[in-house]
C-alpha atoms as a PDB file:
ATOM      1  CA  UNK A   1     -15.373 102.288 100.517  1.00  0.00           C
ATOM      2  CA  UNK A   2     -19.080 101.213 100.483  1.00  0.00           C
ATOM      3  CA  UNK A   3     -20.905 100.657  97.214  1.00  0.00           C
ATOM      4  CA  UNK A   4     -17.661  99.762  95.492  1.00  0.00           C
ATOM      5  CA  UNK A   5     -17.972  96.574  93.914  1.00  0.00           C
ATOM      6  CA  UNK A   6     -17.348  93.986  91.277  1.00  0.00           C
ATOM      7  CA  UNK A   7     -19.869  91.879  89.671  1.00  0.00           C
ATOM      8  CA  UNK A   8     -19.512  88.605  87.530  1.00  0.00           C
ATOM      9  CA  UNK A   9     -22.513  87.754  86.410  1.00  0.00           C
ATOM     10  CA  UNK A  10     -23.230  83.965  84.918  1.00  0.00           C
ATOM     11  CA  UNK A  11     -23.837  84.881  81.301  1.00  0.00           C
ATOM     12  CA  UNK A  12     -20.388  86.611  81.140  1.00  0.00           C
ATOM     13  CA  UNK A  13     -21.146  90.035  82.035  1.00  0.00           C
ATOM     14  CA  UNK A  14     -18.747  91.864  84.287  1.00  0.00           C
ATOM     15  CA  UNK A  15     -19.893  95.112  86.198  1.00  0.00           C
ATOM     16  CA  UNK A  16     -17.542  97.221  88.537  1.00  0.00           C
ATOM     17  CA  UNK A  17     -19.378 100.162  89.914  1.00  0.00           C
ATOM     18  CA  UNK A  18     -16.497 102.797  92.022  1.00  0.00           C
ATOM     19  CA  UNK A  19     -18.273 105.146  94.099  1.00  0.00           C
ATOM     20  CA  UNK A  20     -14.875 107.210  94.037  1.00  0.00           C
ATOM     21  CA  UNK A  21     -11.636 108.109  91.849  1.00  0.00           C
ATOM     22  CA  UNK A  22     -10.861 105.044  90.021  1.00  0.00           C
ATOM     23  CA  UNK A  23      -7.032 105.202  88.693  1.00  0.00           C
ATOM     24  CA  UNK A  24      -5.380 102.638  86.444  1.00  0.00           C
ATOM     25  CA  UNK A  25      -1.816 102.875  86.033  1.00  0.00           C
ATOM     26  CA  UNK A  26       0.340 100.412  83.280  1.00  0.00           C
ATOM     27  CA  UNK A  27       4.072 100.324  82.885  1.00  0.00           C
ATOM     28  CA  UNK A  28       3.997  99.010  79.451  1.00  0.00           C
ATOM     29  CA  UNK A  29       1.835  98.992  76.668  1.00  0.00           C
ATOM     30  CA  UNK A  30      -2.236  98.480  76.618  1.00  0.00           C
ATOM     31  CA  UNK A  31      -4.272  96.780  73.834  1.00  0.00           C
ATOM     32  CA  UNK A  32      -7.853  95.988  73.760  1.00  0.00           C
ATOM     33  CA  UNK A  33      -9.879  94.598  71.385  1.00  0.00           C
ATOM     34  CA  UNK A  34     -13.396  94.928  71.273  1.00  0.00           C
ATOM     35  CA  UNK A  35     -15.500  92.506  69.238  1.00  0.00           C
ATOM     36  CA  UNK A  36     -18.920  94.181  69.372  1.00  0.00           C
ATOM     37  CA  UNK A  37     -19.403  98.208  70.332  1.00  0.00           C
ATOM     38  CA  UNK A  38     -18.152 100.290  72.711  1.00  0.00           C
ATOM     39  CA  UNK A  39     -19.941 103.179  74.646  1.00  0.00           C
ATOM     40  CA  UNK A  40     -18.844 105.617  76.863  1.00  0.00           C
ATOM     41  CA  UNK A  41     -20.752 108.389  78.556  1.00  0.00           C
ATOM     42  CA  UNK A  42     -19.764 111.053  80.310  1.00  0.00           C
ATOM     43  CA  UNK A  43     -21.916 112.997  82.436  1.00  0.00           C
ATOM     44  CA  UNK A  44     -18.703 115.406  83.197  1.00  0.00           C
ATOM     45  CA  UNK A  45     -16.033 116.824  81.309  1.00  0.00           C
ATOM     46  CA  UNK A  46     -13.174 114.395  79.217  1.00  0.00           C
ATOM     47  CA  UNK A  47      -9.368 115.920  78.664  1.00  0.00           C
ATOM     48  CA  UNK A  48      -6.967 113.259  76.709  1.00  0.00           C
ATOM     49  CA  UNK A  49      -3.218 114.246  77.019  1.00  0.00           C
ATOM     50  CA  UNK A  50      -0.797 112.101  75.192  1.00  0.00           C
ATOM     51  CA  UNK A  51       2.821 113.289  74.738  1.00  0.00           C
ATOM     52  CA  UNK A  52       3.380 111.276  71.555  1.00  0.00           C
ATOM     53  CA  UNK A  53       1.083 111.686  67.810  1.00  0.00           C
ATOM     54  CA  UNK A  54      -2.019 109.868  68.146  1.00  0.00           C
ATOM     55  CA  UNK A  55      -3.559 108.133  64.990  1.00  0.00           C
ATOM     56  CA  UNK A  56      -7.354 106.866  64.371  1.00  0.00           C
ATOM     57  CA  UNK A  57      -8.040 104.575  61.577  1.00  0.00           C
ATOM     58  CA  UNK A  58     -11.522 103.913  60.456  1.00  0.00           C
ATOM     59  CA  UNK A  59     -12.808 101.634  58.357  1.00  0.00           C
ATOM     60  CA  UNK A  60     -16.083 103.546  58.022  1.00  0.00           C
ATOM     61  CA  UNK A  61     -17.519 106.829  58.810  1.00  0.00           C
ATOM     62  CA  UNK A  62     -16.327 109.455  61.650  1.00  0.00           C
ATOM     63  CA  UNK A  63     -18.997 111.697  62.754  1.00  0.00           C
ATOM     64  CA  UNK A  64     -18.248 114.277  65.592  1.00  0.00           C
ATOM     65  CA  UNK A  65     -21.225 116.105  66.710  1.00  0.00           C
ATOM     66  CA  UNK A  66     -21.043 119.133  69.017  1.00  0.00           C
ATOM     67  CA  UNK A  67     -24.356 119.970  70.390  1.00  0.00           C
ATOM     68  CA  UNK A  68     -24.404 123.500  71.828  1.00  0.00           C
ATOM     69  CA  UNK A  69     -21.061 125.450  72.305  1.00  0.00           C
ATOM     70  CA  UNK A  70     -17.805 125.756  69.791  1.00  0.00           C
ATOM     71  CA  UNK A  71     -15.535 123.178  67.895  1.00  0.00           C
ATOM     72  CA  UNK A  72     -12.354 124.213  68.114  1.00  0.00           C
ATOM     73  CA  UNK A  73      -8.695 122.549  66.628  1.00  0.00           C
ATOM     74  CA  UNK A  74      -5.522 124.959  68.139  1.00  0.00           C
ATOM     75  CA  UNK A  75      -2.396 123.933  66.611  1.00  0.00           C
ATOM     76  CA  UNK A  76      -0.457 127.154  66.373  1.00  0.00           C
ATOM     77  CA  UNK A  77       2.529 126.136  65.836  1.00  0.00           C
ATOM     78  CA  UNK A  78       2.251 123.242  63.032  1.00  0.00           C
ATOM     79  CA  UNK A  79       0.146 122.668  60.085  1.00  0.00           C
ATOM     80  CA  UNK A  80      -3.454 121.192  59.482  1.00  0.00           C
ATOM     81  CA  UNK A  81      -4.717 119.231  56.595  1.00  0.00           C
ATOM     82  CA  UNK A  82      -7.607 117.667  55.252  1.00  0.00           C
ATOM     83  CA  UNK A  83      -7.480 115.893  52.369  1.00  0.00           C
ATOM     84  CA  UNK A  84     -10.524 114.524  50.506  1.00  0.00           C
ATOM     85  CA  UNK A  85     -12.052 113.226  47.228  1.00  0.00           C
ATOM     86  CA  UNK A  86     -14.698 115.885  48.211  1.00  0.00           C
ATOM     87  CA  UNK A  87     -14.986 117.945  50.606  1.00  0.00           C
ATOM     88  CA  UNK A  88     -17.944 120.377  51.210  1.00  0.00           C
ATOM     89  CA  UNK A  89     -18.037 123.132  53.891  1.00  0.00           C
ATOM     90  CA  UNK A  90     -20.904 124.996  55.252  1.00  0.00           C
ATOM     91  CA  UNK A  91     -22.077 127.722  57.490  1.00  0.00           C
ATOM     92  CA  UNK A  92     -25.666 128.464  58.312  1.00  0.00           C
ATOM     93  CA  UNK A  93     -24.507 131.636  59.395  1.00  0.00           C
ATOM     94  CA  UNK A  94     -21.069 133.047  58.488  1.00  0.00           C
ATOM     95  CA  UNK A  95     -18.220 131.896  57.139  1.00  0.00           C
ATOM     96  CA  UNK A  96     -14.146 133.479  57.648  1.00  0.00           C
ATOM     97  CA  UNK A  97     -11.585 132.749  56.220  1.00  0.00           C
ATOM     98  CA  UNK A  98      -9.012 134.800  58.054  1.00  0.00           C
ATOM     99  CA  UNK A  99      -4.747 134.565  57.585  1.00  0.00           C
ATOM    100  CA  UNK A 100      -1.866 136.266  56.312  1.00  0.00           C
ATOM    101  CA  UNK A 101      -1.957 134.856  53.426  1.00  0.00           C
ATOM    102  CA  UNK A 102      -4.558 132.971  51.271  1.00  0.00           C
ATOM    103  CA  UNK A 103      -3.928 130.483  48.117  1.00  0.00           C
ATOM    104  CA  UNK A 104      -6.960 129.120  46.299  1.00  0.00           C
ATOM    105  CA  UNK A 105      -5.587 126.076  43.968  1.00  0.00           C
ATOM    106  CA  UNK A 106      -8.552 125.120  40.944  1.00  0.00           C
ATOM    107  CA  UNK A 107      -7.377 122.418  38.915  1.00  0.00           C
ATOM    108  CA  UNK A 108     -10.497 122.313  36.749  1.00  0.00           C
ATOM    109  CA  UNK A 109     -12.145 124.514  34.540  1.00  0.00           C
ATOM    110  CA  UNK A 110     -15.838 123.417  35.948  1.00  0.00           C
ATOM    111  CA  UNK A 111     -15.050 125.652  39.487  1.00  0.00           C
ATOM    112  CA  UNK A 112     -17.250 127.875  39.494  1.00  0.00           C
ATOM    113  CA  UNK A 113     -18.283 130.688  42.257  1.00  0.00           C
ATOM    114  CA  UNK A 114     -22.173 131.449  42.974  1.00  0.00           C
ATOM    115  CA  UNK A 115     -23.322 133.943  45.135  1.00  0.00           C
ATOM    116  CA  UNK A 116     -27.358 134.311  45.489  1.00  0.00           C
ATOM    117  CA  UNK A 117     -27.292 138.039  47.095  1.00  0.00           C
ATOM    118  CA  UNK A 118     -25.113 141.125  46.842  1.00  0.00           C
ATOM    119  CA  UNK A 119     -21.131 140.827  46.904  1.00  0.00           C
ATOM    120  CA  UNK A 120     -18.328 143.701  48.210  1.00  0.00           C
ATOM    121  CA  UNK A 121     -14.848 142.713  47.720  1.00  0.00           C
ATOM    122  CA  UNK A 122     -12.792 145.281  49.435  1.00  0.00           C
ATOM    123  CA  UNK A 123      -8.728 145.318  48.155  1.00  0.00           C
ATOM    124  CA  UNK A 124      -6.787 147.617  50.016  1.00  0.00           C
ATOM    125  CA  UNK A 125      -3.805 147.333  47.297  1.00  0.00           C
ATOM    126  CA  UNK A 126      -3.946 146.362  43.773  1.00  0.00           C
ATOM    127  CA  UNK A 127      -6.200 144.411  42.123  1.00  0.00           C
ATOM    128  CA  UNK A 128      -4.884 141.904  39.136  1.00  0.00           C
ATOM    129  CA  UNK A 129      -6.835 139.392  37.310  1.00  0.00           C
ATOM    130  CA  UNK A 130      -4.536 137.411  34.785  1.00  0.00           C
ATOM    131  CA  UNK A 131      -6.525 135.107  32.433  1.00  0.00           C
ATOM    132  CA  UNK A 132      -6.226 133.646  29.026  1.00  0.00           C
ATOM    133  CA  UNK A 133      -9.782 135.019  28.283  1.00  0.00           C
ATOM    134  CA  UNK A 134     -11.822 137.416  30.419  1.00  0.00           C
ATOM    135  CA  UNK A 135     -16.112 137.870  30.200  1.00  0.00           C
ATOM    136  CA  UNK A 136     -18.018 140.410  32.413  1.00  0.00           C
ATOM    137  CA  UNK A 137     -21.736 140.177  31.759  1.00  0.00           C
ATOM    138  CA  UNK A 138     -24.455 141.733  33.959  1.00  0.00           C
ATOM    139  CA  UNK A 139     -28.065 141.383  33.699  1.00  0.00           C
ATOM    140  CA  UNK A 140     -28.486 144.911  35.165  1.00  0.00           C
ATOM    141  CA  UNK A 141     -26.080 147.707  34.839  1.00  0.00           C
ATOM    142  CA  UNK A 142     -22.547 148.088  35.252  1.00  0.00           C
ATOM    143  CA  UNK A 143     -20.668 151.108  36.701  1.00  0.00           C
ATOM    144  CA  UNK A 144     -16.450 151.986  36.825  1.00  0.00           C
ATOM    145  CA  UNK A 145     -15.663 154.492  38.577  1.00  0.00           C
ATOM    146  CA  UNK A 146     -11.547 155.403  38.679  1.00  0.00           C
ATOM    147  CA  UNK A 147     -10.027 158.362  41.284  1.00  0.00           C
ATOM    148  CA  UNK A 148      -7.283 158.137  38.501  1.00  0.00           C
ATOM    149  CA  UNK A 149      -6.742 157.540  34.883  1.00  0.00           C
ATOM    150  CA  UNK A 150      -7.487 154.539  33.503  1.00  0.00           C
ATOM    151  CA  UNK A 151      -5.685 152.454  30.496  1.00  0.00           C
ATOM    152  CA  UNK A 152      -7.200 150.222  27.912  1.00  0.00           C
ATOM    153  CA  UNK A 153      -4.113 148.156  26.152  1.00  0.00           C
ATOM    154  CA  UNK A 154      -6.004 146.598  23.139  1.00  0.00           C
ATOM    155  CA  UNK A 155      -4.369 144.381  20.969  1.00  0.00           C
ATOM    156  CA  UNK A 156      -6.819 143.404  18.120  1.00  0.00           C
ATOM    157  CA  UNK A 157     -10.088 144.669  17.805  1.00  0.00           C
ATOM    158  CA  UNK A 158     -13.481 146.216  19.679  1.00  0.00           C
ATOM    159  CA  UNK A 159     -16.860 145.146  19.424  1.00  0.00           C
ATOM    160  CA  UNK A 160     -19.606 147.191  20.840  1.00  0.00           C
ATOM    161  CA  UNK A 161     -23.190 146.264  20.920  1.00  0.00           C
ATOM    162  CA  UNK A 162     -25.403 149.422  22.224  1.00  0.00           C
ATOM    163  CA  UNK A 163     -29.237 149.211  22.869  1.00  0.00           C
ATOM    164  CA  UNK A 164     -31.898 151.337  24.830  1.00  0.00           C
ATOM    165  CA  UNK A 165     -29.928 154.236  23.872  1.00  0.00           C
ATOM    166  CA  UNK A 166     -31.562 156.359  20.757  1.00  0.00           C
ATOM    167  CA  UNK A 167     -30.369 155.731  18.478  1.00  0.00           C
ATOM    168  CA  UNK A 168     -29.256 152.071  18.823  1.00  0.00           C
ATOM    169  CA  UNK A 169     -25.988 150.940  16.871  1.00  0.00           C
ATOM    170  CA  UNK A 170     -23.992 147.966  16.367  1.00  0.00           C
ATOM    171  CA  UNK A 171     -20.434 147.879  15.367  1.00  0.00           C
ATOM    172  CA  UNK A 172     -18.124 145.320  14.223  1.00  0.00           C
ATOM    173  CA  UNK A 173     -15.151 147.684  13.545  1.00  0.00           C
ATOM    174  CA  UNK A 174     -11.427 148.181  14.688  1.00  0.00           C
ATOM    175  CA  UNK A 175     -10.692 151.520  16.483  1.00  0.00           C
ATOM    176  CA  UNK A 176      -8.112 153.160  15.794  1.00  0.00           C
END
């Protein structure tokens, strides 16, 4: 067709221009070795269909930049595993984790959870905390409200300090 050509320049540059579709059919394997960089610009869309597995091996960084639109990973029948020595997940607006079960395993006492604004947790069933020791601190007021009974089982002593109420008192005794 008019406009399709191949050029080979004296310095070793090869130019292929195809003005219609281009088909490359290989009945065996394909091996490509590029000693410099590889750049591809696609003005339309791209789709890769792989019937087997795909492995990308990268000795340096691996970046994906999506200028607009969504970045979707869909694997309805398998697992998605992300492993790293350090990992950051950041969202400028909303981060939503949705699952039938969410399991968070922390292997260090250095783990921390920091909320700079308000936080609300709604549990439709029973909320249980099991810990070696538990400290609840507030720089404001704390309110506890129950729609049923409240039970405190304490096997040692209760220490209480009450300030701001007349008269102030500090007690370090066991209540029986």
